């Protein structure tokens, strides 16, 4: 391969990468603007334990945040929903239910 061909190939690849970086930077800026719309402390917006698949499905189905499905007393996820959810919720974790039954 000749030096000129190599130069143009590298210049083209550089241009492609710079375009990709530019678009990614624009996407980051857009997402940061959207995130700034929410008056939430970012530390509290992250769940303290990994989100289980069932919780993710409920969040998507009902359009609700993870806090609705988390028991803050026992630091675990709710494993079943009330019959009247989402109109009324007293979701309890397994530990809460055992205490109520006792």
PDB file of N, CA and C in Angstrom:
ATOM      1  N   UNK A   1       0.854  -1.174   0.000  1.00  0.00           N
ATOM      2  CA  UNK A   1       0.000   0.000   0.000  1.00  0.00           C
ATOM      3  C   UNK A   1       0.897   1.233   0.000  1.00  0.00           C
ATOM      4  N   UNK A   2       0.548   2.180  -0.799  1.00  0.00           N
ATOM      5  CA  UNK A   2       1.357   3.393  -0.915  1.00  0.00           C
ATOM      6  C   UNK A   2       1.085   4.315   0.268  1.00  0.00           C
ATOM      7  N   UNK A   3       2.031   5.174   0.528  1.00  0.00           N
ATOM      8  CA  UNK A   3       1.935   6.089   1.653  1.00  0.00           C
ATOM      9  C   UNK A   3       0.715   7.000   1.532  1.00  0.00           C
ATOM     10  N   UNK A   4       0.434   7.489   0.341  1.00  0.00           N
ATOM     11  CA  UNK A   4      -0.711   8.375   0.125  1.00  0.00           C
ATOM     12  C   UNK A   4      -2.031   7.683   0.414  1.00  0.00           C
ATOM     13  N   UNK A   5      -2.148   6.425  -0.029  1.00  0.00           N
ATOM     14  CA  UNK A   5      -3.379   5.667   0.223  1.00  0.00           C
ATOM     15  C   UNK A   5      -3.582   5.447   1.716  1.00  0.00           C
ATOM     16  N   UNK A   6      -2.498   5.112   2.392  1.00  0.00           N
ATOM     17  CA  UNK A   6      -2.564   4.883   3.835  1.00  0.00           C
ATOM     18  C   UNK A   6      -2.979   6.160   4.564  1.00  0.00           C
ATOM     19  N   UNK A   7      -2.420   7.284   4.127  1.00  0.00           N
ATOM     20  CA  UNK A   7      -2.762   8.565   4.742  1.00  0.00           C
ATOM     21  C   UNK A   7      -4.260   8.862   4.593  1.00  0.00           C
ATOM     22  N   UNK A   8      -4.792   8.689   3.375  1.00  0.00           N
ATOM     23  CA  UNK A   8      -6.209   8.991   3.140  1.00  0.00           C
ATOM     24  C   UNK A   8      -7.124   8.016   3.879  1.00  0.00           C
ATOM     25  N   UNK A   9      -6.707   6.756   3.969  1.00  0.00           N
ATOM     26  CA  UNK A   9      -7.506   5.780   4.712  1.00  0.00           C
ATOM     27  C   UNK A   9      -7.566   6.159   6.193  1.00  0.00           C
ATOM     28  N   UNK A  10      -6.416   6.529   6.758  1.00  0.00           N
ATOM     29  CA  UNK A  10      -6.373   6.920   8.171  1.00  0.00           C
ATOM     30  C   UNK A  10      -7.142   8.221   8.398  1.00  0.00           C
ATOM     31  N   UNK A  11      -7.056   9.154   7.460  1.00  0.00           N
ATOM     32  CA  UNK A  11      -7.787  10.421   7.589  1.00  0.00           C
ATOM     33  C   UNK A  11      -9.294  10.167   7.553  1.00  0.00           C
ATOM     34  N   UNK A  12      -9.732   9.257   6.678  1.00  0.00           N
ATOM     35  CA  UNK A  12     -11.155   8.925   6.599  1.00  0.00           C
ATOM     36  C   UNK A  12     -11.624   8.270   7.897  1.00  0.00           C
ATOM     37  N   UNK A  13     -10.844   7.326   8.423  1.00  0.00           N
ATOM     38  CA  UNK A  13     -11.198   6.671   9.687  1.00  0.00           C
ATOM     39  C   UNK A  13     -11.237   7.678  10.831  1.00  0.00           C
ATOM     40  N   UNK A  14     -10.291   8.608  10.831  1.00  0.00           N
ATOM     41  CA  UNK A  14     -10.262   9.646  11.867  1.00  0.00           C
ATOM     42  C   UNK A  14     -11.531  10.492  11.803  1.00  0.00           C
ATOM     43  N   UNK A  15     -11.936  10.853  10.582  1.00  0.00           N
ATOM     44  CA  UNK A  15     -13.139  11.662  10.399  1.00  0.00           C
ATOM     45  C   UNK A  15     -14.379  10.900  10.888  1.00  0.00           C
ATOM     46  N   UNK A  16     -14.448   9.614  10.593  1.00  0.00           N
ATOM     47  CA  UNK A  16     -15.572   8.790  11.050  1.00  0.00           C
ATOM     48  C   UNK A  16     -15.608   8.754  12.574  1.00  0.00           C
ATOM     49  N   UNK A  17     -14.447   8.564  13.188  1.00  0.00           N
ATOM     50  CA  UNK A  17     -14.386   8.511  14.654  1.00  0.00           C
ATOM     51  C   UNK A  17     -14.729   9.865  15.279  1.00  0.00           C
ATOM     52  N   UNK A  18     -14.255  10.940  14.682  1.00  0.00           N
ATOM     53  CA  UNK A  18     -14.580  12.269  15.206  1.00  0.00           C
ATOM     54  C   UNK A  18     -16.075  12.557  15.092  1.00  0.00           C
ATOM     55  N   UNK A  19     -16.681  12.137  13.978  1.00  0.00           N
ATOM     56  CA  UNK A  19     -18.137  12.293  13.836  1.00  0.00           C
ATOM     57  C   UNK A  19     -18.866  11.497  14.909  1.00  0.00           C
ATOM     58  N   UNK A  20     -18.420  10.287  15.149  1.00  0.00           N
ATOM     59  CA  UNK A  20     -19.053   9.430  16.167  1.00  0.00           C
ATOM     60  C   UNK A  20     -18.922  10.077  17.549  1.00  0.00           C
ATOM     61  N   UNK A  21     -17.743  10.599  17.862  1.00  0.00           N
ATOM     62  CA  UNK A  21     -17.519  11.270  19.144  1.00  0.00           C
ATOM     63  C   UNK A  21     -18.436  12.486  19.266  1.00  0.00           C
ATOM     64  N   UNK A  22     -18.555  13.252  18.194  1.00  0.00           N
ATOM     65  CA  UNK A  22     -19.417  14.435  18.197  1.00  0.00           C
ATOM     66  C   UNK A  22     -20.862  14.047  18.498  1.00  0.00           C
ATOM     67  N   UNK A  23     -21.361  13.011  17.827  1.00  0.00           N
ATOM     68  CA  UNK A  23     -22.747  12.575  18.046  1.00  0.00           C
ATOM     69  C   UNK A  23     -22.945  12.031  19.459  1.00  0.00           C
ATOM     70  N   UNK A  24     -21.958  11.324  19.981  1.00  0.00           N
ATOM     71  CA  UNK A  24     -22.061  10.818  21.351  1.00  0.00           C
ATOM     72  C   UNK A  24     -22.060  11.962  22.361  1.00  0.00           C
ATOM     73  N   UNK A  25     -21.234  12.985  22.118  1.00  0.00           N
ATOM     74  CA  UNK A  25     -21.221  14.143  23.011  1.00  0.00           C
ATOM     75  C   UNK A  25     -22.572  14.858  22.996  1.00  0.00           C
ATOM     76  N   UNK A  26     -23.169  14.989  21.815  1.00  0.00           N
ATOM     77  CA  UNK A  26     -24.497  15.608  21.715  1.00  0.00           C
ATOM     78  C   UNK A  26     -25.529  14.777  22.467  1.00  0.00           C
ATOM     79  N   UNK A  27     -25.434  13.463  22.373  1.00  0.00           N
ATOM     80  CA  UNK A  27     -26.376  12.577  23.072  1.00  0.00           C
ATOM     81  C   UNK A  27     -26.221  12.713  24.585  1.00  0.00           C
ATOM     82  N   UNK A  28     -24.977  12.783  25.055  1.00  0.00           N
ATOM     83  CA  UNK A  28     -24.723  12.961  26.488  1.00  0.00           C
ATOM     84  C   UNK A  28     -25.316  14.284  26.962  1.00  0.00           C
ATOM     85  N   UNK A  29     -25.103  15.346  26.202  1.00  0.00           N
ATOM     86  CA  UNK A  29     -25.663  16.651  26.570  1.00  0.00           C
ATOM     87  C   UNK A  29     -27.190  16.595  26.630  1.00  0.00           C
ATOM     88  N   UNK A  30     -27.803  15.930  25.654  1.00  0.00           N
ATOM     89  CA  UNK A  30     -29.266  15.807  25.635  1.00  0.00           C
ATOM     90  C   UNK A  30     -29.764  15.042  26.857  1.00  0.00           C
ATOM     91  N   UNK A  31     -29.106  13.944  27.183  1.00  0.00           N
ATOM     92  CA  UNK A  31     -29.519  13.149  28.338  1.00  0.00           C
ATOM     93  C   UNK A  31     -29.301  13.904  29.645  1.00  0.00           C
ATOM     94  N   UNK A  32     -28.215  14.674  29.739  1.00  0.00           N
ATOM     95  CA  UNK A  32     -27.980  15.481  30.938  1.00  0.00           C
ATOM     96  C   UNK A  32     -29.065  16.545  31.090  1.00  0.00           C
ATOM     97  N   UNK A  33     -29.480  17.159  29.980  1.00  0.00           N
ATOM     98  CA  UNK A  33     -30.568  18.154  30.042  1.00  0.00           C
ATOM     99  C   UNK A  33     -31.858  17.501  30.515  1.00  0.00           C
ATOM    100  N   UNK A  34     -32.156  16.325  30.003  1.00  0.00           N
ATOM    101  CA  UNK A  34     -33.368  15.615  30.425  1.00  0.00           C
ATOM    102  C   UNK A  34     -33.288  15.235  31.894  1.00  0.00           C
ATOM    103  N   UNK A  35     -32.114  14.830  32.343  1.00  0.00           N
ATOM    104  CA  UNK A  35     -31.936  14.434  33.732  1.00  0.00           C
ATOM    105  C   UNK A  35     -32.079  15.628  34.664  1.00  0.00           C
ATOM    106  N   UNK A  36     -31.643  16.789  34.224  1.00  0.00           N
ATOM    107  CA  UNK A  36     -31.741  17.993  35.048  1.00  0.00           C
ATOM    108  C   UNK A  36     -33.179  18.461  35.230  1.00  0.00           C
ATOM    109  N   UNK A  37     -34.106  17.932  34.451  1.00  0.00           N
ATOM    110  CA  UNK A  37     -35.525  18.284  34.605  1.00  0.00           C
ATOM    111  C   UNK A  37     -36.103  17.697  35.879  1.00  0.00           C
ATOM    112  N   UNK A  38     -35.483  16.656  36.404  1.00  0.00           N
ATOM    113  CA  UNK A  38     -36.010  15.982  37.588  1.00  0.00           C
ATOM    114  C   UNK A  38     -35.340  16.532  38.840  1.00  0.00           C
ATOM    115  N   UNK A  39     -36.119  17.071  39.788  1.00  0.00           N
ATOM    116  CA  UNK A  39     -35.529  17.617  41.015  1.00  0.00           C
ATOM    117  C   UNK A  39     -35.223  16.517  42.026  1.00  0.00           C
ATOM    118  N   UNK A  40     -34.406  15.558  41.627  1.00  0.00           N
ATOM    119  CA  UNK A  40     -34.105  14.412  42.472  1.00  0.00           C
ATOM    120  C   UNK A  40     -32.608  14.377  42.736  1.00  0.00           C
ATOM    121  N   UNK A  41     -32.264  14.105  43.976  1.00  0.00           N
ATOM    122  CA  UNK A  41     -30.862  13.908  44.308  1.00  0.00           C
ATOM    123  C   UNK A  41     -30.418  12.605  43.652  1.00  0.00           C
ATOM    124  N   UNK A  42     -29.390  12.666  42.843  1.00  0.00           N
ATOM    125  CA  UNK A  42     -28.985  11.492  42.075  1.00  0.00           C
ATOM    126  C   UNK A  42     -28.597  10.312  42.952  1.00  0.00           C
ATOM    127  N   UNK A  43     -28.045  10.560  44.123  1.00  0.00           N
ATOM    128  CA  UNK A  43     -27.652   9.454  44.993  1.00  0.00           C
ATOM    129  C   UNK A  43     -28.879   8.652  45.398  1.00  0.00           C
ATOM    130  N   UNK A  44     -29.986   9.328  45.685  1.00  0.00           N
ATOM    131  CA  UNK A  44     -31.189   8.621  46.097  1.00  0.00           C
ATOM    132  C   UNK A  44     -31.929   8.018  44.910  1.00  0.00           C
ATOM    133  N   UNK A  45     -31.575   8.411  43.688  1.00  0.00           N
ATOM    134  CA  UNK A  45     -32.249   7.885  42.510  1.00  0.00           C
ATOM    135  C   UNK A  45     -31.720   6.516  42.106  1.00  0.00           C
ATOM    136  N   UNK A  46     -30.688   6.049  42.765  1.00  0.00           N
ATOM    137  CA  UNK A  46     -30.108   4.746  42.458  1.00  0.00           C
ATOM    138  C   UNK A  46     -30.526   3.765  43.540  1.00  0.00           C
ATOM    139  N   UNK A  47     -31.149   2.642  43.162  1.00  0.00           N
ATOM    140  CA  UNK A  47     -31.579   1.678  44.183  1.00  0.00           C
ATOM    141  C   UNK A  47     -30.393   1.101  44.949  1.00  0.00           C
ATOM    142  N   UNK A  48     -30.572   0.812  46.233  1.00  0.00           N
ATOM    143  CA  UNK A  48     -29.465   0.313  47.053  1.00  0.00           C
ATOM    144  C   UNK A  48     -29.076  -1.128  46.745  1.00  0.00           C
ATOM    145  N   UNK A  49     -29.959  -1.883  46.094  1.00  0.00           N
ATOM    146  CA  UNK A  49     -29.640  -3.260  45.701  1.00  0.00           C
ATOM    147  C   UNK A  49     -30.038  -3.445  44.240  1.00  0.00           C
ATOM    148  N   UNK A  50     -29.476  -4.451  43.559  1.00  0.00           N
ATOM    149  CA  UNK A  50     -29.817  -4.660  42.145  1.00  0.00           C
ATOM    150  C   UNK A  50     -31.322  -4.892  41.947  1.00  0.00           C
ATOM    151  N   UNK A  51     -31.839  -4.356  40.863  1.00  0.00           N
ATOM    152  CA  UNK A  51     -33.265  -4.500  40.559  1.00  0.00           C
ATOM    153  C   UNK A  51     -33.510  -5.865  39.928  1.00  0.00           C
ATOM    154  N   UNK A  52     -34.442  -6.607  40.513  1.00  0.00           N
ATOM    155  CA  UNK A  52     -34.789  -7.924  39.988  1.00  0.00           C
ATOM    156  C   UNK A  52     -35.627  -7.777  38.721  1.00  0.00           C
ATOM    157  N   UNK A  53     -35.658  -8.835  37.911  1.00  0.00           N
ATOM    158  CA  UNK A  53     -36.384  -8.790  36.647  1.00  0.00           C
ATOM    159  C   UNK A  53     -37.876  -8.517  36.858  1.00  0.00           C
ATOM    160  N   UNK A  54     -38.491  -9.141  37.864  1.00  0.00           N
ATOM    161  CA  UNK A  54     -39.918  -8.920  38.116  1.00  0.00           C
ATOM    162  C   UNK A  54     -40.196  -7.454  38.435  1.00  0.00           C
ATOM    163  N   UNK A  55     -39.295  -6.840  39.190  1.00  0.00           N
ATOM    164  CA  UNK A  55     -39.451  -5.419  39.535  1.00  0.00           C
ATOM    165  C   UNK A  55     -39.351  -4.571  38.273  1.00  0.00           C
ATOM    166  N   UNK A  56     -38.390  -4.882  37.413  1.00  0.00           N
ATOM    167  CA  UNK A  56     -38.257  -4.149  36.147  1.00  0.00           C
ATOM    168  C   UNK A  56     -39.535  -4.254  35.314  1.00  0.00           C
ATOM    169  N   UNK A  57     -40.098  -5.455  35.262  1.00  0.00           N
ATOM    170  CA  UNK A  57     -41.335  -5.650  34.499  1.00  0.00           C
ATOM    171  C   UNK A  57     -42.473  -4.826  35.087  1.00  0.00           C
ATOM    172  N   UNK A  58     -42.616  -4.814  36.419  1.00  0.00           N
ATOM    173  CA  UNK A  58     -43.655  -4.010  37.062  1.00  0.00           C
ATOM    174  C   UNK A  58     -43.434  -2.522  36.812  1.00  0.00           C
ATOM    175  N   UNK A  59     -42.180  -2.086  36.903  1.00  0.00           N
ATOM    176  CA  UNK A  59     -41.875  -0.676  36.659  1.00  0.00           C
ATOM    177  C   UNK A  59     -42.311  -0.278  35.250  1.00  0.00           C
ATOM    178  N   UNK A  60     -42.009  -1.139  34.284  1.00  0.00           N
ATOM    179  CA  UNK A  60     -42.369  -0.853  32.898  1.00  0.00           C
ATOM    180  C   UNK A  60     -43.885  -0.922  32.700  1.00  0.00           C
ATOM    181  N   UNK A  61     -44.513  -1.951  33.258  1.00  0.00           N
ATOM    182  CA  UNK A  61     -45.954  -2.146  33.077  1.00  0.00           C
ATOM    183  C   UNK A  61     -46.773  -1.008  33.683  1.00  0.00           C
ATOM    184  N   UNK A  62     -46.410  -0.591  34.907  1.00  0.00           N
ATOM    185  CA  UNK A  62     -47.195   0.422  35.609  1.00  0.00           C
ATOM    186  C   UNK A  62     -46.623   1.828  35.476  1.00  0.00           C
ATOM    187  N   UNK A  63     -45.418   1.957  34.908  1.00  0.00           N
ATOM    188  CA  UNK A  63     -44.805   3.268  34.742  1.00  0.00           C
ATOM    189  C   UNK A  63     -44.489   3.942  36.062  1.00  0.00           C
ATOM    190  N   UNK A  64     -43.995   3.162  37.020  1.00  0.00           N
ATOM    191  CA  UNK A  64     -43.714   3.684  38.358  1.00  0.00           C
ATOM    192  C   UNK A  64     -42.237   3.508  38.695  1.00  0.00           C
ATOM    193  N   UNK A  65     -41.722   4.349  39.598  1.00  0.00           N
ATOM    194  CA  UNK A  65     -40.308   4.253  39.976  1.00  0.00           C
ATOM    195  C   UNK A  65     -40.044   3.057  40.886  1.00  0.00           C
ATOM    196  N   UNK A  66     -38.786   2.731  41.043  1.00  0.00           N
ATOM    197  CA  UNK A  66     -38.397   1.560  41.837  1.00  0.00           C
ATOM    198  C   UNK A  66     -38.786   1.697  43.298  1.00  0.00           C
ATOM    199  N   UNK A  67     -38.885   2.931  43.813  1.00  0.00           N
ATOM    200  CA  UNK A  67     -39.192   3.134  45.233  1.00  0.00           C
ATOM    201  C   UNK A  67     -40.532   2.520  45.637  1.00  0.00           C
ATOM    202  N   UNK A  68     -41.475   2.448  44.707  1.00  0.00           N
ATOM    203  CA  UNK A  68     -42.796   1.875  44.990  1.00  0.00           C
ATOM    204  C   UNK A  68     -42.676   0.397  45.353  1.00  0.00           C
ATOM    205  N   UNK A  69     -41.701  -0.275  44.787  1.00  0.00           N
ATOM    206  CA  UNK A  69     -41.576  -1.727  44.940  1.00  0.00           C
ATOM    207  C   UNK A  69     -40.480  -2.131  45.929  1.00  0.00           C
ATOM    208  N   UNK A  70     -39.988  -1.186  46.716  1.00  0.00           N
ATOM    209  CA  UNK A  70     -38.875  -1.455  47.627  1.00  0.00           C
ATOM    210  C   UNK A  70     -39.328  -1.273  49.070  1.00  0.00           C
ATOM    211  N   UNK A  71     -38.979  -2.221  49.934  1.00  0.00           N
ATOM    212  CA  UNK A  71     -39.264  -2.109  51.365  1.00  0.00           C
ATOM    213  C   UNK A  71     -38.042  -1.460  52.020  1.00  0.00           C
ATOM    214  N   UNK A  72     -38.194  -0.221  52.433  1.00  0.00           N
ATOM    215  CA  UNK A  72     -37.071   0.505  53.016  1.00  0.00           C
ATOM    216  C   UNK A  72     -36.750   0.013  54.425  1.00  0.00           C
ATOM    217  N   UNK A  73     -37.726  -0.588  55.097  1.00  0.00           N
ATOM    218  CA  UNK A  73     -37.483  -1.112  56.444  1.00  0.00           C
ATOM    219  C   UNK A  73     -36.549  -2.314  56.420  1.00  0.00           C
ATOM    220  N   UNK A  74     -36.743  -3.188  55.432  1.00  0.00           N
ATOM    221  CA  UNK A  74     -35.975  -4.438  55.388  1.00  0.00           C
ATOM    222  C   UNK A  74     -34.987  -4.499  54.229  1.00  0.00           C
ATOM    223  N   UNK A  75     -34.895  -3.439  53.465  1.00  0.00           N
ATOM    224  CA  UNK A  75     -33.935  -3.330  52.358  1.00  0.00           C
ATOM    225  C   UNK A  75     -34.046  -4.497  51.381  1.00  0.00           C
ATOM    226  N   UNK A  76     -35.289  -4.776  50.967  1.00  0.00           N
ATOM    227  CA  UNK A  76     -35.490  -5.807  49.952  1.00  0.00           C
ATOM    228  C   UNK A  76     -36.704  -5.468  49.093  1.00  0.00           C
ATOM    229  N   UNK A  77     -36.831  -6.175  47.987  1.00  0.00           N
ATOM    230  CA  UNK A  77     -37.909  -5.916  47.048  1.00  0.00           C
ATOM    231  C   UNK A  77     -39.200  -6.578  47.487  1.00  0.00           C
ATOM    232  N   UNK A  78     -40.302  -5.953  47.129  1.00  0.00           N
ATOM    233  CA  UNK A  78     -41.629  -6.527  47.323  1.00  0.00           C
ATOM    234  C   UNK A  78     -41.744  -7.699  46.347  1.00  0.00           C
ATOM    235  N   UNK A  79     -42.358  -8.793  46.782  1.00  0.00           N
ATOM    236  CA  UNK A  79     -42.450  -9.938  45.875  1.00  0.00           C
ATOM    237  C   UNK A  79     -43.859 -10.191  45.361  1.00  0.00           C
ATOM    238  N   UNK A  80     -44.848  -9.453  45.873  1.00  0.00           N
ATOM    239  CA  UNK A  80     -46.207  -9.532  45.332  1.00  0.00           C
ATOM    240  C   UNK A  80     -46.906  -8.197  45.536  1.00  0.00           C
ATOM    241  N   UNK A  81     -47.868  -7.912  44.665  1.00  0.00           N
ATOM    242  CA  UNK A  81     -48.585  -6.637  44.709  1.00  0.00           C
ATOM    243  C   UNK A  81     -49.968  -6.818  45.317  1.00  0.00           C
ATOM    244  N   UNK A  82     -50.512  -5.736  45.878  1.00  0.00           N
ATOM    245  CA  UNK A  82     -51.876  -5.748  46.412  1.00  0.00           C
ATOM    246  C   UNK A  82     -52.877  -5.961  45.283  1.00  0.00           C
ATOM    247  N   UNK A  83     -54.066  -6.455  45.628  1.00  0.00           N
ATOM    248  CA  UNK A  83     -55.122  -6.666  44.631  1.00  0.00           C
ATOM    249  C   UNK A  83     -55.548  -5.366  43.966  1.00  0.00           C
ATOM    250  N   UNK A  84     -55.509  -4.269  44.693  1.00  0.00           N
ATOM    251  CA  UNK A  84     -55.975  -2.993  44.150  1.00  0.00           C
ATOM    252  C   UNK A  84     -54.847  -2.138  43.572  1.00  0.00           C
ATOM    253  N   UNK A  85     -53.652  -2.690  43.468  1.00  0.00           N
ATOM    254  CA  UNK A  85     -52.535  -1.952  42.879  1.00  0.00           C
ATOM    255  C   UNK A  85     -52.872  -1.629  41.429  1.00  0.00           C
ATOM    256  N   UNK A  86     -52.615  -0.463  40.917  1.00  0.00           N
ATOM    257  CA  UNK A  86     -51.859   0.668  41.433  1.00  0.00           C
ATOM    258  C   UNK A  86     -52.712   1.741  42.108  1.00  0.00           C
ATOM    259  N   UNK A  87     -54.011   1.501  42.276  1.00  0.00           N
ATOM    260  CA  UNK A  87     -54.885   2.526  42.862  1.00  0.00           C
ATOM    261  C   UNK A  87     -54.661   2.676  44.359  1.00  0.00           C
ATOM    262  N   UNK A  88     -54.292   1.586  45.004  1.00  0.00           N
ATOM    263  CA  UNK A  88     -53.943   1.609  46.422  1.00  0.00           C
ATOM    264  C   UNK A  88     -52.791   0.639  46.586  1.00  0.00           C
ATOM    265  N   UNK A  89     -51.847   1.017  47.406  1.00  0.00           N
ATOM    266  CA  UNK A  89     -50.711   0.119  47.580  1.00  0.00           C
ATOM    267  C   UNK A  89     -50.280   0.052  49.029  1.00  0.00           C
ATOM    268  N   UNK A  90     -50.202  -1.138  49.505  1.00  0.00           N
ATOM    269  CA  UNK A  90     -49.600  -1.408  50.800  1.00  0.00           C
ATOM    270  C   UNK A  90     -48.695  -2.619  50.588  1.00  0.00           C
ATOM    271  N   UNK A  91     -47.900  -2.515  49.542  1.00  0.00           N
ATOM    272  CA  UNK A  91     -47.028  -3.626  49.170  1.00  0.00           C
ATOM    273  C   UNK A  91     -46.090  -3.959  50.319  1.00  0.00           C
ATOM    274  N   UNK A  92     -45.946  -5.236  50.569  1.00  0.00           N
ATOM    275  CA  UNK A  92     -45.093  -5.673  51.675  1.00  0.00           C
ATOM    276  C   UNK A  92     -44.094  -6.700  51.181  1.00  0.00           C
ATOM    277  N   UNK A  93     -42.954  -6.694  51.814  1.00  0.00           N
ATOM    278  CA  UNK A  93     -41.937  -7.692  51.496  1.00  0.00           C
ATOM    279  C   UNK A  93     -42.243  -8.964  52.299  1.00  0.00           C
ATOM    280  N   UNK A  94     -41.558 -10.062  52.044  1.00  0.00           N
ATOM    281  CA  UNK A  94     -41.809 -11.296  52.796  1.00  0.00           C
ATOM    282  C   UNK A  94     -41.636 -11.128  54.306  1.00  0.00           C
ATOM    283  N   UNK A  95     -40.667 -10.337  54.739  1.00  0.00           N
ATOM    284  CA  UNK A  95     -40.437 -10.130  56.174  1.00  0.00           C
ATOM    285  C   UNK A  95     -41.614  -9.367  56.785  1.00  0.00           C
ATOM    286  N   UNK A  96     -42.110  -8.350  56.105  1.00  0.00           N
ATOM    287  CA  UNK A  96     -43.273  -7.590  56.605  1.00  0.00           C
ATOM    288  C   UNK A  96     -44.490  -8.497  56.743  1.00  0.00           C
ATOM    289  N   UNK A  97     -44.715  -9.359  55.760  1.00  0.00           N
ATOM    290  CA  UNK A  97     -45.871 -10.261  55.815  1.00  0.00           C
ATOM    291  C   UNK A  97     -45.760 -11.235  56.978  1.00  0.00           C
ATOM    292  N   UNK A  98     -44.564 -11.756  57.233  1.00  0.00           N
ATOM    293  CA  UNK A  98     -44.375 -12.676  58.364  1.00  0.00           C
ATOM    294  C   UNK A  98     -44.675 -11.972  59.680  1.00  0.00           C
ATOM    295  N   UNK A  99     -44.269 -10.712  59.793  1.00  0.00           N
ATOM    296  CA  UNK A  99     -44.535  -9.952  61.020  1.00  0.00           C
ATOM    297  C   UNK A  99     -46.024  -9.702  61.200  1.00  0.00           C
ATOM    298  N   UNK A 100     -46.739  -9.428  60.102  1.00  0.00           N
ATOM    299  CA  UNK A 100     -48.183  -9.193  60.184  1.00  0.00           C
ATOM    300  C   UNK A 100     -48.919 -10.465  60.587  1.00  0.00           C
ATOM    301  N   UNK A 101     -48.469 -11.600  60.085  1.00  0.00           N
ATOM    302  CA  UNK A 101     -49.125 -12.875  60.391  1.00  0.00           C
ATOM    303  C   UNK A 101     -48.899 -13.294  61.837  1.00  0.00           C
ATOM    304  N   UNK A 102     -47.788 -12.873  62.410  1.00  0.00           N
ATOM    305  CA  UNK A 102     -47.455 -13.283  63.788  1.00  0.00           C
ATOM    306  C   UNK A 102     -48.262 -12.550  64.823  1.00  0.00           C
TER     307      UNK A 102
END
